[in-house]
N, C-alpha and C. Protein backbone atom coordinates (compact mmCIF):
# COMPACT_ATOMS: atom_id res chain seq x y z
N UNK A 1 16.58 12.25 -37.47
CA UNK A 1 17.64 12.14 -36.49
C UNK A 1 18.72 11.22 -37.07
N UNK A 2 19.93 11.72 -37.14
CA UNK A 2 21.00 10.90 -37.71
C UNK A 2 21.77 10.16 -36.61
N UNK A 3 22.68 9.30 -37.01
CA UNK A 3 23.39 8.44 -36.07
C UNK A 3 24.24 9.23 -35.08
N UNK A 4 24.85 10.32 -35.52
CA UNK A 4 25.67 11.12 -34.62
C UNK A 4 24.84 11.73 -33.50
N UNK A 5 23.66 12.21 -33.84
CA UNK A 5 22.77 12.78 -32.82
C UNK A 5 22.33 11.71 -31.83
N UNK A 6 22.07 10.52 -32.32
CA UNK A 6 21.63 9.42 -31.46
C UNK A 6 22.75 9.01 -30.52
N UNK A 7 23.98 8.95 -31.02
CA UNK A 7 25.11 8.55 -30.18
C UNK A 7 25.37 9.55 -29.06
N UNK A 8 25.02 10.81 -29.26
CA UNK A 8 25.24 11.83 -28.23
C UNK A 8 24.24 11.71 -27.08
N UNK A 9 23.13 11.01 -27.31
CA UNK A 9 22.13 10.85 -26.26
C UNK A 9 22.59 9.83 -25.22
N UNK A 10 22.13 10.01 -23.99
CA UNK A 10 22.40 9.02 -22.95
C UNK A 10 21.50 7.82 -23.20
N UNK A 11 21.82 6.66 -22.63
CA UNK A 11 20.96 5.49 -22.82
C UNK A 11 19.51 5.73 -22.38
N UNK A 12 19.33 6.50 -21.32
CA UNK A 12 17.97 6.79 -20.84
C UNK A 12 17.22 7.65 -21.86
N UNK A 13 17.92 8.64 -22.40
CA UNK A 13 17.30 9.50 -23.41
C UNK A 13 16.95 8.71 -24.66
N UNK A 14 17.81 7.76 -25.01
CA UNK A 14 17.54 6.92 -26.18
C UNK A 14 16.28 6.08 -25.98
N UNK A 15 16.14 5.53 -24.76
CA UNK A 15 14.95 4.72 -24.48
C UNK A 15 13.68 5.56 -24.56
N UNK A 16 13.75 6.78 -24.01
CA UNK A 16 12.60 7.68 -24.07
C UNK A 16 12.26 8.02 -25.52
N UNK A 17 13.28 8.34 -26.30
CA UNK A 17 13.07 8.69 -27.71
C UNK A 17 12.50 7.50 -28.47
N UNK A 18 13.01 6.31 -28.18
CA UNK A 18 12.53 5.10 -28.84
C UNK A 18 11.05 4.88 -28.54
N UNK A 19 10.66 5.06 -27.28
CA UNK A 19 9.25 4.90 -26.92
C UNK A 19 8.37 5.94 -27.61
N UNK A 20 8.85 7.18 -27.67
CA UNK A 20 8.09 8.24 -28.35
C UNK A 20 7.90 7.91 -29.83
N UNK A 21 8.98 7.48 -30.47
CA UNK A 21 8.91 7.18 -31.90
C UNK A 21 8.01 5.98 -32.17
N UNK A 22 8.07 4.96 -31.32
CA UNK A 22 7.21 3.80 -31.51
C UNK A 22 5.74 4.16 -31.35
N UNK A 23 5.44 5.02 -30.38
CA UNK A 23 4.07 5.47 -30.18
C UNK A 23 3.57 6.26 -31.40
N UNK A 24 4.41 7.17 -31.87
CA UNK A 24 4.04 7.96 -33.05
C UNK A 24 3.87 7.08 -34.28
N UNK A 25 4.74 6.07 -34.42
CA UNK A 25 4.64 5.16 -35.55
C UNK A 25 3.34 4.37 -35.50
N UNK A 26 2.97 3.88 -34.33
CA UNK A 26 1.74 3.10 -34.23
C UNK A 26 0.52 3.96 -34.56
N UNK A 27 0.53 5.23 -34.14
CA UNK A 27 -0.58 6.13 -34.47
C UNK A 27 -0.67 6.34 -35.97
N UNK A 28 0.48 6.57 -36.60
CA UNK A 28 0.48 6.79 -38.05
C UNK A 28 0.07 5.54 -38.82
N UNK A 29 0.47 4.37 -38.32
CA UNK A 29 0.09 3.14 -38.99
C UNK A 29 -1.42 2.91 -38.90
N UNK A 30 -2.00 3.26 -37.76
CA UNK A 30 -3.46 3.14 -37.63
C UNK A 30 -4.16 4.09 -38.59
N UNK A 31 -3.64 5.31 -38.69
CA UNK A 31 -4.22 6.27 -39.63
C UNK A 31 -4.07 5.79 -41.07
N UNK A 32 -2.97 5.15 -41.37
CA UNK A 32 -2.74 4.65 -42.72
C UNK A 32 -3.73 3.54 -43.06
N UNK A 33 -4.05 2.70 -42.09
CA UNK A 33 -5.01 1.63 -42.33
C UNK A 33 -6.41 2.19 -42.57
N UNK A 34 -6.73 3.28 -41.89
CA UNK A 34 -8.03 3.92 -42.07
C UNK A 34 -8.03 4.75 -43.35
N UNK A 35 -6.87 5.26 -43.72
CA UNK A 35 -6.74 6.03 -44.94
C UNK A 35 -6.71 7.52 -44.73
N UNK A 36 -6.42 7.97 -43.51
CA UNK A 36 -6.44 9.41 -43.22
C UNK A 36 -5.07 9.99 -42.89
N UNK A 37 -4.02 9.30 -43.24
CA UNK A 37 -2.68 9.79 -42.93
C UNK A 37 -2.31 10.94 -43.88
N UNK A 38 -1.79 12.02 -43.30
CA UNK A 38 -1.44 13.20 -44.08
C UNK A 38 -0.12 13.02 -44.83
N UNK A 39 0.87 12.43 -44.15
CA UNK A 39 2.20 12.30 -44.72
C UNK A 39 2.64 10.83 -44.61
N UNK A 40 2.33 10.00 -45.59
CA UNK A 40 2.68 8.58 -45.50
C UNK A 40 4.19 8.33 -45.52
N UNK A 41 4.98 9.27 -46.02
CA UNK A 41 6.43 9.11 -46.04
C UNK A 41 7.05 9.17 -44.66
N UNK A 42 6.33 9.75 -43.72
CA UNK A 42 6.86 9.86 -42.36
C UNK A 42 6.96 8.49 -41.69
N UNK A 43 6.11 7.55 -42.09
CA UNK A 43 6.17 6.20 -41.53
C UNK A 43 7.53 5.59 -41.82
N UNK A 44 7.99 5.74 -43.04
CA UNK A 44 9.30 5.20 -43.44
C UNK A 44 10.43 5.85 -42.64
N UNK A 45 10.35 7.16 -42.45
CA UNK A 45 11.38 7.88 -41.69
C UNK A 45 11.40 7.40 -40.24
N UNK A 46 10.23 7.22 -39.64
CA UNK A 46 10.17 6.76 -38.26
C UNK A 46 10.75 5.36 -38.12
N UNK A 47 10.42 4.48 -39.06
CA UNK A 47 10.94 3.11 -38.99
C UNK A 47 12.46 3.10 -39.08
N UNK A 48 13.01 3.92 -39.95
CA UNK A 48 14.47 3.98 -40.10
C UNK A 48 15.14 4.57 -38.86
N UNK A 49 14.51 5.57 -38.25
CA UNK A 49 15.08 6.17 -37.04
C UNK A 49 15.06 5.17 -35.90
N UNK A 50 13.97 4.42 -35.77
CA UNK A 50 13.89 3.39 -34.74
C UNK A 50 14.99 2.35 -34.97
N UNK A 51 15.19 1.96 -36.20
CA UNK A 51 16.23 0.98 -36.52
C UNK A 51 17.62 1.52 -36.18
N UNK A 52 17.85 2.80 -36.43
CA UNK A 52 19.15 3.40 -36.09
C UNK A 52 19.39 3.35 -34.58
N UNK A 53 18.38 3.70 -33.81
CA UNK A 53 18.52 3.69 -32.35
C UNK A 53 18.84 2.28 -31.87
N UNK A 54 18.10 1.30 -32.36
CA UNK A 54 18.33 -0.09 -31.94
C UNK A 54 19.71 -0.58 -32.37
N UNK A 55 20.16 -0.19 -33.55
CA UNK A 55 21.48 -0.58 -34.03
C UNK A 55 22.58 -0.02 -33.14
N UNK A 56 22.46 1.24 -32.78
CA UNK A 56 23.46 1.88 -31.93
C UNK A 56 23.47 1.25 -30.54
N UNK A 57 22.29 0.92 -30.01
CA UNK A 57 22.23 0.25 -28.72
C UNK A 57 22.93 -1.10 -28.78
N UNK A 58 22.71 -1.85 -29.85
CA UNK A 58 23.36 -3.15 -30.00
C UNK A 58 24.87 -3.02 -30.16
N UNK A 59 25.32 -2.00 -30.87
CA UNK A 59 26.76 -1.76 -31.02
C UNK A 59 27.40 -1.52 -29.66
N UNK A 60 26.73 -0.72 -28.83
CA UNK A 60 27.28 -0.42 -27.51
C UNK A 60 27.28 -1.64 -26.60
N UNK A 61 26.28 -2.49 -26.72
CA UNK A 61 26.24 -3.72 -25.93
C UNK A 61 27.40 -4.63 -26.31
N UNK A 62 27.68 -4.72 -27.60
CA UNK A 62 28.78 -5.58 -28.05
C UNK A 62 30.13 -5.05 -27.61
N UNK A 63 30.29 -3.73 -27.57
CA UNK A 63 31.55 -3.15 -27.11
C UNK A 63 31.78 -3.46 -25.64
N UNK A 64 30.73 -3.41 -24.85
CA UNK A 64 30.85 -3.67 -23.41
C UNK A 64 31.03 -5.15 -23.14
N UNK A 65 30.41 -5.98 -23.94
CA UNK A 65 30.42 -7.42 -23.71
C UNK A 65 31.64 -8.05 -24.18
């Protein structure tokens, strides 16, 4: 998910997506610790997507404030 797609989402949709991604990330991290993760590169992608969402939320807060 790129920044343009994230900006098109409503704040509520962003929060839902953020929760979904965090849940998926925690599951993958647990699998990685056990050693059964199929695609370890997906962890990196999820972390970056979460960071993008949080960055865009902070940008919008600063614009309003």
